[in-house]
Amino acid sequence: QMKKRCDQKLLIRMKTECVPCSLNLETQCPAGYTKITNGTGISDCRYYLEIKTHTLSFPGCRHHCVKEFEQPECCQGRWGPDCLGK
């Protein structure tokens, strides 16, 4: 019995919003995502504060998150919704 399905595992990556690092400890990834950074996360971004007529930019932190996703695919030589062959 030849396999019909050869699903592909994909890793979807995303980053949370940039916030002051001291506030980032509590930041959670969206539902279904796993946090791959610890503590205050990674300080690789800037966040902005509007004060009257000025916008100020400050260094901030964000977390990196991943989600595993299975993309349905037929094995080679098979096709259609049921992955049928010849």
C-alpha atoms as a PDB file:
ATOM      1  CA  GLN A   1       0.000   0.000   0.000  1.00  0.00           C
ATOM      2  CA  MET A   2       1.653   3.200  -1.217  1.00  0.00           C
ATOM      3  CA  LYS A   3       1.183   6.247   0.978  1.00  0.00           C
ATOM      4  CA  LYS A   4      -1.340   8.698  -0.450  1.00  0.00           C
ATOM      5  CA  ARG A   5      -0.632  11.687   1.769  1.00  0.00           C
ATOM      6  CA  CYS A   6       2.726  13.374   2.309  1.00  0.00           C
ATOM      7  CA  ASP A   7       1.712  16.306   4.498  1.00  0.00           C
ATOM      8  CA  GLN A   8       4.313  19.040   4.929  1.00  0.00           C
ATOM      9  CA  LYS A   9       5.110  20.343   8.408  1.00  0.00           C
ATOM     10  CA  LEU A  10       5.515  24.124   8.338  1.00  0.00           C
ATOM     11  CA  LEU A  11       6.747  26.360  11.131  1.00  0.00           C
ATOM     12  CA  ILE A  12       4.997  29.719  11.234  1.00  0.00           C
ATOM     13  CA  ARG A  13       6.958  32.407  13.083  1.00  0.00           C
ATOM     14  CA  MET A  14       5.692  35.706  14.436  1.00  0.00           C
ATOM     15  CA  LYS A  15       6.755  38.418  16.842  1.00  0.00           C
ATOM     16  CA  THR A  16       4.643  40.090  19.503  1.00  0.00           C
ATOM     17  CA  GLU A  17       4.114  43.841  19.584  1.00  0.00           C
ATOM     18  CA  CYS A  18       7.028  45.992  20.748  1.00  0.00           C
ATOM     19  CA  VAL A  19       6.503  47.254  24.317  1.00  0.00           C
ATOM     20  CA  PRO A  20       8.696  48.575  27.149  1.00  0.00           C
ATOM     21  CA  CYS A  21      10.918  45.662  28.230  1.00  0.00           C
ATOM     22  CA  SER A  22       9.700  45.850  31.853  1.00  0.00           C
ATOM     23  CA  LEU A  23       6.133  45.182  30.630  1.00  0.00           C
ATOM     24  CA  ASN A  24       7.084  42.367  28.274  1.00  0.00           C
ATOM     25  CA  LEU A  25       7.465  39.685  30.974  1.00  0.00           C
ATOM     26  CA  GLU A  26       3.684  39.193  30.947  1.00  0.00           C
ATOM     27  CA  THR A  27       3.274  39.210  27.151  1.00  0.00           C
ATOM     28  CA  GLN A  28       1.713  36.035  25.774  1.00  0.00           C
ATOM     29  CA  CYS A  29       1.824  34.672  22.252  1.00  0.00           C
ATOM     30  CA  PRO A  30      -1.468  34.465  20.326  1.00  0.00           C
ATOM     31  CA  ALA A  31      -3.545  31.302  20.828  1.00  0.00           C
ATOM     32  CA  GLY A  32      -1.902  28.275  19.232  1.00  0.00           C
ATOM     33  CA  TYR A  33       1.587  29.801  19.248  1.00  0.00           C
ATOM     34  CA  THR A  34       4.453  28.800  21.544  1.00  0.00           C
ATOM     35  CA  LYS A  35       6.789  31.412  23.027  1.00  0.00           C
ATOM     36  CA  ILE A  36      10.429  30.646  22.144  1.00  0.00           C
ATOM     37  CA  THR A  37      11.966  33.606  23.987  1.00  0.00           C
ATOM     38  CA  ASN A  38      12.271  33.971  27.763  1.00  0.00           C
ATOM     39  CA  GLY A  39      11.955  36.705  30.358  1.00  0.00           C
ATOM     40  CA  THR A  40      11.594  40.127  28.808  1.00  0.00           C
ATOM     41  CA  GLY A  41      12.138  38.741  25.303  1.00  0.00           C
ATOM     42  CA  ILE A  42      14.453  40.276  22.713  1.00  0.00           C
ATOM     43  CA  SER A  43      15.309  43.969  22.698  1.00  0.00           C
ATOM     44  CA  ASP A  44      15.397  44.344  18.919  1.00  0.00           C
ATOM     45  CA  CYS A  45      12.630  46.889  18.356  1.00  0.00           C
ATOM     46  CA  ARG A  46      11.374  50.377  19.147  1.00  0.00           C
ATOM     47  CA  TYR A  47       7.999  51.544  20.409  1.00  0.00           C
ATOM     48  CA  TYR A  48       6.535  55.022  20.062  1.00  0.00           C
ATOM     49  CA  LEU A  49       4.843  57.424  22.460  1.00  0.00           C
ATOM     50  CA  GLU A  50       2.956  60.471  21.308  1.00  0.00           C
ATOM     51  CA  ILE A  51       3.367  63.438  23.637  1.00  0.00           C
ATOM     52  CA  LYS A  52       1.399  66.492  22.540  1.00  0.00           C
ATOM     53  CA  THR A  53       2.948  67.382  19.177  1.00  0.00           C
ATOM     54  CA  HIS A  54       5.940  65.028  19.333  1.00  0.00           C
ATOM     55  CA  THR A  55       6.335  61.311  18.792  1.00  0.00           C
ATOM     56  CA  LEU A  56       9.140  59.810  20.842  1.00  0.00           C
ATOM     57  CA  SER A  57      10.781  56.490  20.059  1.00  0.00           C
ATOM     58  CA  PHE A  58      12.192  54.187  22.757  1.00  0.00           C
ATOM     59  CA  PRO A  59      14.027  50.853  22.650  1.00  0.00           C
ATOM     60  CA  GLY A  60      11.635  48.048  23.543  1.00  0.00           C
ATOM     61  CA  CYS A  61      11.280  44.286  23.702  1.00  0.00           C
ATOM     62  CA  ARG A  62       9.143  41.671  22.001  1.00  0.00           C
ATOM     63  CA  HIS A  63       8.784  37.912  22.069  1.00  0.00           C
ATOM     64  CA  HIS A  64       9.212  35.463  19.224  1.00  0.00           C
ATOM     65  CA  CYS A  65       6.521  32.811  18.820  1.00  0.00           C
ATOM     66  CA  VAL A  66       6.166  29.720  16.621  1.00  0.00           C
ATOM     67  CA  LYS A  67       3.276  27.534  15.556  1.00  0.00           C
ATOM     68  CA  GLU A  68       3.530  24.167  13.834  1.00  0.00           C
ATOM     69  CA  PHE A  69       1.178  23.788  10.918  1.00  0.00           C
ATOM     70  CA  GLU A  70       0.555  20.716   8.776  1.00  0.00           C
ATOM     71  CA  GLN A  71      -0.103  21.538   5.168  1.00  0.00           C
ATOM     72  CA  PRO A  72      -1.990  18.688   3.514  1.00  0.00           C
ATOM     73  CA  GLU A  73      -0.194  17.430   0.430  1.00  0.00           C
ATOM     74  CA  CYS A  74      -0.454  14.386  -1.758  1.00  0.00           C
ATOM     75  CA  CYS A  75       2.570  12.187  -2.338  1.00  0.00           C
ATOM     76  CA  GLN A  76       4.249  12.369  -5.737  1.00  0.00           C
ATOM     77  CA  GLY A  77       2.110  10.951  -8.535  1.00  0.00           C
ATOM     78  CA  ARG A  78      -1.129  11.405  -6.597  1.00  0.00           C
ATOM     79  CA  TRP A  79      -3.635  14.239  -6.832  1.00  0.00           C
ATOM     80  CA  GLY A  80      -7.100  15.534  -5.970  1.00  0.00           C
ATOM     81  CA  PRO A  81      -8.865  15.882  -2.635  1.00  0.00           C
ATOM     82  CA  ASP A  82      -8.424  12.148  -1.894  1.00  0.00           C
ATOM     83  CA  CYS A  83      -4.842  11.898  -3.254  1.00  0.00           C
ATOM     84  CA  LEU A  84      -5.739   9.221  -5.780  1.00  0.00           C
ATOM     85  CA  GLY A  85      -3.195   7.790  -8.201  1.00  0.00           C
ATOM     86  CA  LYS A  86      -3.281   6.231 -11.629  1.00  0.00           C
END
